[in-house]
């Protein structure tokens, strides 16, 4: 998921996506532990997406970034 895609989401949608990505990260860690994970780069990519989402949410909380007006 790219930064432009994240910026187009509302705060509620961002929180839902964050939960899904964190669940995906947990699943990837389990797959790695069971040696079923083919590409370990997926873990790194998912971690970066989670970090971007958390950063955006924190910026919204602090008022550093404002939601774009729709329409």
PDB file of N, CA and C in Angstrom:
ATOM      1  N   UNK A   1       0.852  -1.168   0.000  1.00  0.00           N
ATOM      2  CA  UNK A   1       0.000   0.000   0.000  1.00  0.00           C
ATOM      3  C   UNK A   1       0.901   1.235   0.000  1.00  0.00           C
ATOM      4  N   UNK A   2       0.650   2.141  -0.927  1.00  0.00           N
ATOM      5  CA  UNK A   2       1.481   3.316  -1.087  1.00  0.00           C
ATOM      6  C   UNK A   2       0.985   4.464  -0.226  1.00  0.00           C
ATOM      7  N   UNK A   3       1.838   5.458  -0.020  1.00  0.00           N
ATOM      8  CA  UNK A   3       1.507   6.599   0.823  1.00  0.00           C
ATOM      9  C   UNK A   3       0.298   7.364   0.303  1.00  0.00           C
ATOM     10  N   UNK A   4       0.178   7.485  -1.023  1.00  0.00           N
ATOM     11  CA  UNK A   4      -0.974   8.189  -1.593  1.00  0.00           C
ATOM     12  C   UNK A   4      -2.276   7.471  -1.248  1.00  0.00           C
ATOM     13  N   UNK A   5      -2.238   6.143  -1.260  1.00  0.00           N
ATOM     14  CA  UNK A   5      -3.418   5.366  -0.896  1.00  0.00           C
ATOM     15  C   UNK A   5      -3.774   5.595   0.563  1.00  0.00           C
ATOM     16  N   UNK A   6      -2.779   5.668   1.416  1.00  0.00           N
ATOM     17  CA  UNK A   6      -3.024   5.869   2.845  1.00  0.00           C
ATOM     18  C   UNK A   6      -3.600   7.253   3.117  1.00  0.00           C
ATOM     19  N   UNK A   7      -3.128   8.247   2.383  1.00  0.00           N
ATOM     20  CA  UNK A   7      -3.612   9.612   2.594  1.00  0.00           C
ATOM     21  C   UNK A   7      -5.067   9.779   2.177  1.00  0.00           C
ATOM     22  N   UNK A   8      -5.540   8.920   1.290  1.00  0.00           N
ATOM     23  CA  UNK A   8      -6.920   9.045   0.828  1.00  0.00           C
ATOM     24  C   UNK A   8      -7.915   8.384   1.789  1.00  0.00           C
ATOM     25  N   UNK A   9      -7.400   7.654   2.785  1.00  0.00           N
ATOM     26  CA  UNK A   9      -8.283   6.969   3.735  1.00  0.00           C
ATOM     27  C   UNK A   9      -8.670   7.897   4.884  1.00  0.00           C
ATOM     28  N   UNK A  10      -9.874   7.686   5.419  1.00  0.00           N
ATOM     29  CA  UNK A  10     -10.283   8.417   6.609  1.00  0.00           C
ATOM     30  C   UNK A  10      -9.601   7.780   7.821  1.00  0.00           C
ATOM     31  N   UNK A  11      -9.717   8.412   8.963  1.00  0.00           N
ATOM     32  CA  UNK A  11      -9.076   7.895  10.176  1.00  0.00           C
ATOM     33  C   UNK A  11      -9.651   6.530  10.545  1.00  0.00           C
ATOM     34  N   UNK A  12     -10.965   6.371  10.442  1.00  0.00           N
ATOM     35  CA  UNK A  12     -11.580   5.084  10.776  1.00  0.00           C
ATOM     36  C   UNK A  12     -11.127   3.984   9.819  1.00  0.00           C
ATOM     37  N   UNK A  13     -11.079   4.300   8.534  1.00  0.00           N
ATOM     38  CA  UNK A  13     -10.610   3.322   7.552  1.00  0.00           C
ATOM     39  C   UNK A  13      -9.147   2.981   7.791  1.00  0.00           C
ATOM     40  N   UNK A  14      -8.371   3.982   8.189  1.00  0.00           N
ATOM     41  CA  UNK A  14      -6.955   3.774   8.466  1.00  0.00           C
ATOM     42  C   UNK A  14      -6.762   2.829   9.651  1.00  0.00           C
ATOM     43  N   UNK A  15      -7.592   2.994  10.675  1.00  0.00           N
ATOM     44  CA  UNK A  15      -7.511   2.113  11.844  1.00  0.00           C
ATOM     45  C   UNK A  15      -7.881   0.674  11.482  1.00  0.00           C
ATOM     46  N   UNK A  16      -8.881   0.511  10.623  1.00  0.00           N
ATOM     47  CA  UNK A  16      -9.282  -0.832  10.190  1.00  0.00           C
ATOM     48  C   UNK A  16      -8.158  -1.478   9.383  1.00  0.00           C
ATOM     49  N   UNK A  17      -7.580  -0.716   8.463  1.00  0.00           N
ATOM     50  CA  UNK A  17      -6.476  -1.232   7.653  1.00  0.00           C
ATOM     51  C   UNK A  17      -5.262  -1.573   8.519  1.00  0.00           C
ATOM     52  N   UNK A  18      -5.036  -0.766   9.557  1.00  0.00           N
ATOM     53  CA  UNK A  18      -3.918  -1.022  10.463  1.00  0.00           C
ATOM     54  C   UNK A  18      -4.096  -2.360  11.178  1.00  0.00           C
ATOM     55  N   UNK A  19      -5.296  -2.613  11.657  1.00  0.00           N
ATOM     56  CA  UNK A  19      -5.572  -3.889  12.316  1.00  0.00           C
ATOM     57  C   UNK A  19      -5.350  -5.061  11.367  1.00  0.00           C
ATOM     58  N   UNK A  20      -5.796  -4.911  10.118  1.00  0.00           N
ATOM     59  CA  UNK A  20      -5.622  -5.973   9.130  1.00  0.00           C
ATOM     60  C   UNK A  20      -4.143  -6.211   8.826  1.00  0.00           C
ATOM     61  N   UNK A  21      -3.383  -5.148   8.710  1.00  0.00           N
ATOM     62  CA  UNK A  21      -1.957  -5.283   8.414  1.00  0.00           C
ATOM     63  C   UNK A  21      -1.201  -5.907   9.595  1.00  0.00           C
ATOM     64  N   UNK A  22      -1.598  -5.557  10.816  1.00  0.00           N
ATOM     65  CA  UNK A  22      -0.958  -6.149  11.982  1.00  0.00           C
ATOM     66  C   UNK A  22      -1.277  -7.640  12.073  1.00  0.00           C
ATOM     67  N   UNK A  23      -2.491  -8.002  11.721  1.00  0.00           N
ATOM     68  CA  UNK A  23      -2.859  -9.416  11.694  1.00  0.00           C
ATOM     69  C   UNK A  23      -2.060 -10.155  10.617  1.00  0.00           C
ATOM     70  N   UNK A  24      -1.894  -9.524   9.467  1.00  0.00           N
ATOM     71  CA  UNK A  24      -1.099 -10.105   8.389  1.00  0.00           C
ATOM     72  C   UNK A  24       0.353 -10.292   8.830  1.00  0.00           C
ATOM     73  N   UNK A  25       0.890  -9.322   9.556  1.00  0.00           N
ATOM     74  CA  UNK A  25       2.257  -9.413  10.048  1.00  0.00           C
ATOM     75  C   UNK A  25       2.409 -10.583  11.022  1.00  0.00           C
ATOM     76  N   UNK A  26       1.428 -10.771  11.881  1.00  0.00           N
ATOM     77  CA  UNK A  26       1.446 -11.900  12.813  1.00  0.00           C
ATOM     78  C   UNK A  26       1.432 -13.217  12.050  1.00  0.00           C
ATOM     79  N   UNK A  27       0.581 -13.300  11.023  1.00  0.00           N
ATOM     80  CA  UNK A  27       0.519 -14.516  10.220  1.00  0.00           C
ATOM     81  C   UNK A  27       1.841 -14.793   9.506  1.00  0.00           C
ATOM     82  N   UNK A  28       2.474 -13.743   9.017  1.00  0.00           N
ATOM     83  CA  UNK A  28       3.759 -13.909   8.346  1.00  0.00           C
ATOM     84  C   UNK A  28       4.827 -14.416   9.316  1.00  0.00           C
ATOM     85  N   UNK A  29       4.804 -13.910  10.554  1.00  0.00           N
ATOM     86  CA  UNK A  29       5.761 -14.379  11.552  1.00  0.00           C
ATOM     87  C   UNK A  29       5.536 -15.851  11.879  1.00  0.00           C
ATOM     88  N   UNK A  30       4.271 -16.269  11.963  1.00  0.00           N
ATOM     89  CA  UNK A  30       3.978 -17.682  12.199  1.00  0.00           C
ATOM     90  C   UNK A  30       4.468 -18.540  11.039  1.00  0.00           C
ATOM     91  N   UNK A  31       4.239 -18.077   9.825  1.00  0.00           N
ATOM     92  CA  UNK A  31       4.696 -18.825   8.651  1.00  0.00           C
ATOM     93  C   UNK A  31       6.215 -18.943   8.643  1.00  0.00           C
ATOM     94  N   UNK A  32       6.896 -17.869   9.051  1.00  0.00           N
ATOM     95  CA  UNK A  32       8.350 -17.915   9.092  1.00  0.00           C
ATOM     96  C   UNK A  32       8.827 -18.902  10.154  1.00  0.00           C
ATOM     97  N   UNK A  33       8.163 -18.917  11.300  1.00  0.00           N
ATOM     98  CA  UNK A  33       8.546 -19.831  12.369  1.00  0.00           C
ATOM     99  C   UNK A  33       8.344 -21.284  11.949  1.00  0.00           C
ATOM    100  N   UNK A  34       7.330 -21.538  11.149  1.00  0.00           N
ATOM    101  CA  UNK A  34       7.053 -22.898  10.682  1.00  0.00           C
ATOM    102  C   UNK A  34       7.791 -23.223   9.384  1.00  0.00           C
ATOM    103  N   UNK A  35       8.632 -22.297   8.949  1.00  0.00           N
ATOM    104  CA  UNK A  35       9.419 -22.432   7.720  1.00  0.00           C
ATOM    105  C   UNK A  35       8.537 -22.659   6.493  1.00  0.00           C
ATOM    106  N   UNK A  36       7.407 -21.968   6.443  1.00  0.00           N
ATOM    107  CA  UNK A  36       6.497 -22.049   5.308  1.00  0.00           C
ATOM    108  C   UNK A  36       6.507 -20.765   4.483  1.00  0.00           C
ATOM    109  N   UNK A  37       7.258 -19.780   4.928  1.00  0.00           N
ATOM    110  CA  UNK A  37       7.272 -18.485   4.260  1.00  0.00           C
ATOM    111  C   UNK A  37       8.326 -18.495   3.156  1.00  0.00           C
ATOM    112  N   UNK A  38       7.883 -18.237   1.934  1.00  0.00           N
ATOM    113  CA  UNK A  38       8.779 -18.239   0.777  1.00  0.00           C
ATOM    114  C   UNK A  38       9.638 -16.968   0.737  1.00  0.00           C
ATOM    115  N   UNK A  39       8.995 -15.824   0.718  1.00  0.00           N
ATOM    116  CA  UNK A  39       9.726 -14.563   0.601  1.00  0.00           C
ATOM    117  C   UNK A  39       9.697 -13.791   1.907  1.00  0.00           C
ATOM    118  N   UNK A  40      10.839 -13.716   2.572  1.00  0.00           N
ATOM    119  CA  UNK A  40      10.873 -13.022   3.858  1.00  0.00           C
ATOM    120  C   UNK A  40      10.773 -11.506   3.702  1.00  0.00           C
ATOM    121  N   UNK A  41      10.880 -11.003   2.475  1.00  0.00           N
ATOM    122  CA  UNK A  41      10.735  -9.569   2.238  1.00  0.00           C
ATOM    123  C   UNK A  41       9.324  -9.084   2.557  1.00  0.00           C
ATOM    124  N   UNK A  42       8.370  -9.991   2.584  1.00  0.00           N
ATOM    125  CA  UNK A  42       6.988  -9.622   2.894  1.00  0.00           C
ATOM    126  C   UNK A  42       6.873  -9.089   4.313  1.00  0.00           C
ATOM    127  N   UNK A  43       7.672  -9.642   5.222  1.00  0.00           N
ATOM    128  CA  UNK A  43       7.645  -9.178   6.612  1.00  0.00           C
ATOM    129  C   UNK A  43       8.124  -7.738   6.689  1.00  0.00           C
ATOM    130  N   UNK A  44       9.219  -7.445   6.036  1.00  0.00           N
ATOM    131  CA  UNK A  44       9.769  -6.091   6.052  1.00  0.00           C
ATOM    132  C   UNK A  44       8.803  -5.091   5.428  1.00  0.00           C
ATOM    133  N   UNK A  45       8.222  -5.460   4.300  1.00  0.00           N
ATOM    134  CA  UNK A  45       7.288  -4.566   3.618  1.00  0.00           C
ATOM    135  C   UNK A  45       6.056  -4.298   4.475  1.00  0.00           C
ATOM    136  N   UNK A  46       5.543  -5.334   5.128  1.00  0.00           N
ATOM    137  CA  UNK A  46       4.359  -5.175   5.974  1.00  0.00           C
ATOM    138  C   UNK A  46       4.682  -4.323   7.195  1.00  0.00           C
ATOM    139  N   UNK A  47       5.865  -4.515   7.772  1.00  0.00           N
ATOM    140  CA  UNK A  47       6.271  -3.697   8.916  1.00  0.00           C
ATOM    141  C   UNK A  47       6.337  -2.221   8.542  1.00  0.00           C
ATOM    142  N   UNK A  48       6.824  -1.934   7.347  1.00  0.00           N
ATOM    143  CA  UNK A  48       6.927  -0.542   6.899  1.00  0.00           C
ATOM    144  C   UNK A  48       5.554   0.077   6.685  1.00  0.00           C
ATOM    145  N   UNK A  49       4.618  -0.702   6.161  1.00  0.00           N
ATOM    146  CA  UNK A  49       3.256  -0.199   5.964  1.00  0.00           C
ATOM    147  C   UNK A  49       2.613   0.094   7.317  1.00  0.00           C
ATOM    148  N   UNK A  50       2.804  -0.799   8.281  1.00  0.00           N
ATOM    149  CA  UNK A  50       2.255  -0.597   9.625  1.00  0.00           C
ATOM    150  C   UNK A  50       2.854   0.668  10.233  1.00  0.00           C
ATOM    151  N   UNK A  51       4.141   0.879  10.061  1.00  0.00           N
ATOM    152  CA  UNK A  51       4.791   2.075  10.601  1.00  0.00           C
ATOM    153  C   UNK A  51       4.242   3.344   9.951  1.00  0.00           C
ATOM    154  N   UNK A  52       4.009   3.304   8.636  1.00  0.00           N
ATOM    155  CA  UNK A  52       3.428   4.472   7.950  1.00  0.00           C
ATOM    156  C   UNK A  52       2.040   4.783   8.488  1.00  0.00           C
ATOM    157  N   UNK A  53       1.250   3.740   8.689  1.00  0.00           N
ATOM    158  CA  UNK A  53      -0.115   3.933   9.193  1.00  0.00           C
ATOM    159  C   UNK A  53      -0.097   4.518  10.603  1.00  0.00           C
ATOM    160  N   UNK A  54       0.763   3.987  11.453  1.00  0.00           N
ATOM    161  CA  UNK A  54       0.858   4.498  12.819  1.00  0.00           C
ATOM    162  C   UNK A  54       1.323   5.944  12.834  1.00  0.00           C
ATOM    163  N   UNK A  55       2.255   6.278  11.947  1.00  0.00           N
ATOM    164  CA  UNK A  55       2.745   7.647  11.856  1.00  0.00           C
ATOM    165  C   UNK A  55       1.633   8.592  11.426  1.00  0.00           C
ATOM    166  N   UNK A  56       0.873   8.201  10.418  1.00  0.00           N
ATOM    167  CA  UNK A  56      -0.248   9.041   9.966  1.00  0.00           C
ATOM    168  C   UNK A  56      -1.272   9.250  11.070  1.00  0.00           C
ATOM    169  N   UNK A  57      -1.637   8.179  11.757  1.00  0.00           N
ATOM    170  CA  UNK A  57      -2.616   8.300  12.838  1.00  0.00           C
ATOM    171  C   UNK A  57      -2.103   9.229  13.935  1.00  0.00           C
ATOM    172  N   UNK A  58      -0.832   9.122  14.256  1.00  0.00           N
ATOM    173  CA  UNK A  58      -0.257   9.979  15.284  1.00  0.00           C
ATOM    174  C   UNK A  58      -0.236  11.442  14.828  1.00  0.00           C
ATOM    175  N   UNK A  59       0.065  11.669  13.567  1.00  0.00           N
ATOM    176  CA  UNK A  59       0.056  13.035  13.035  1.00  0.00           C
ATOM    177  C   UNK A  59      -1.341  13.624  13.067  1.00  0.00           C
ATOM    178  N   UNK A  60      -2.355  12.807  12.767  1.00  0.00           N
ATOM    179  CA  UNK A  60      -3.732  13.285  12.848  1.00  0.00           C
ATOM    180  C   UNK A  60      -4.095  13.638  14.284  1.00  0.00           C
ATOM    181  N   UNK A  61      -3.660  12.821  15.243  1.00  0.00           N
ATOM    182  CA  UNK A  61      -3.948  13.081  16.657  1.00  0.00           C
ATOM    183  C   UNK A  61      -3.313  14.380  17.126  1.00  0.00           C
ATOM    184  N   UNK A  62      -2.079  14.629  16.693  1.00  0.00           N
ATOM    185  CA  UNK A  62      -1.363  15.827  17.117  1.00  0.00           C
ATOM    186  C   UNK A  62      -1.778  17.081  16.353  1.00  0.00           C
ATOM    187  N   UNK A  63      -2.506  16.894  15.269  1.00  0.00           N
ATOM    188  CA  UNK A  63      -2.933  18.029  14.467  1.00  0.00           C
ATOM    189  C   UNK A  63      -1.877  18.490  13.477  1.00  0.00           C
ATOM    190  N   UNK A  64      -0.837  17.704  13.297  1.00  0.00           N
ATOM    191  CA  UNK A  64       0.216  18.046  12.343  1.00  0.00           C
ATOM    192  C   UNK A  64      -0.327  17.916  10.922  1.00  0.00           C
ATOM    193  N   UNK A  65      -1.135  16.902  10.718  1.00  0.00           N
ATOM    194  CA  UNK A  65      -1.716  16.641   9.395  1.00  0.00           C
ATOM    195  C   UNK A  65      -3.236  16.685   9.526  1.00  0.00           C
ATOM    196  N   UNK A  66      -3.872  17.290   8.554  1.00  0.00           N
ATOM    197  CA  UNK A  66      -5.332  17.354   8.554  1.00  0.00           C
ATOM    198  C   UNK A  66      -5.873  16.514   7.420  1.00  0.00           C
ATOM    199  N   UNK A  67      -7.083  15.985   7.616  1.00  0.00           N
ATOM    200  CA  UNK A  67      -7.721  15.199   6.569  1.00  0.00           C
ATOM    201  C   UNK A  67      -8.043  16.087   5.390  1.00  0.00           C
ATOM    202  N   UNK A  68      -7.853  15.555   4.209  1.00  0.00           N
ATOM    203  CA  UNK A  68      -8.210  16.300   3.003  1.00  0.00           C
ATOM    204  C   UNK A  68      -9.720  16.352   2.879  1.00  0.00           C
ATOM    205  N   UNK A  69     -10.230  17.489   2.435  1.00  0.00           N
ATOM    206  CA  UNK A  69     -11.660  17.619   2.219  1.00  0.00           C
ATOM    207  C   UNK A  69     -12.052  16.800   1.004  1.00  0.00           C
ATOM    208  N   UNK A  70     -13.131  16.046   1.132  1.00  0.00           N
ATOM    209  CA  UNK A  70     -13.578  15.210   0.024  1.00  0.00           C
ATOM    210  C   UNK A  70     -14.483  16.006  -0.898  1.00  0.00           C
ATOM    211  N   UNK A  71     -14.394  15.681  -2.180  1.00  0.00           N
ATOM    212  CA  UNK A  71     -15.292  16.288  -3.149  1.00  0.00           C
ATOM    213  C   UNK A  71     -14.654  17.401  -3.782  1.00  0.00           C
TER     214      UNK A  71
END
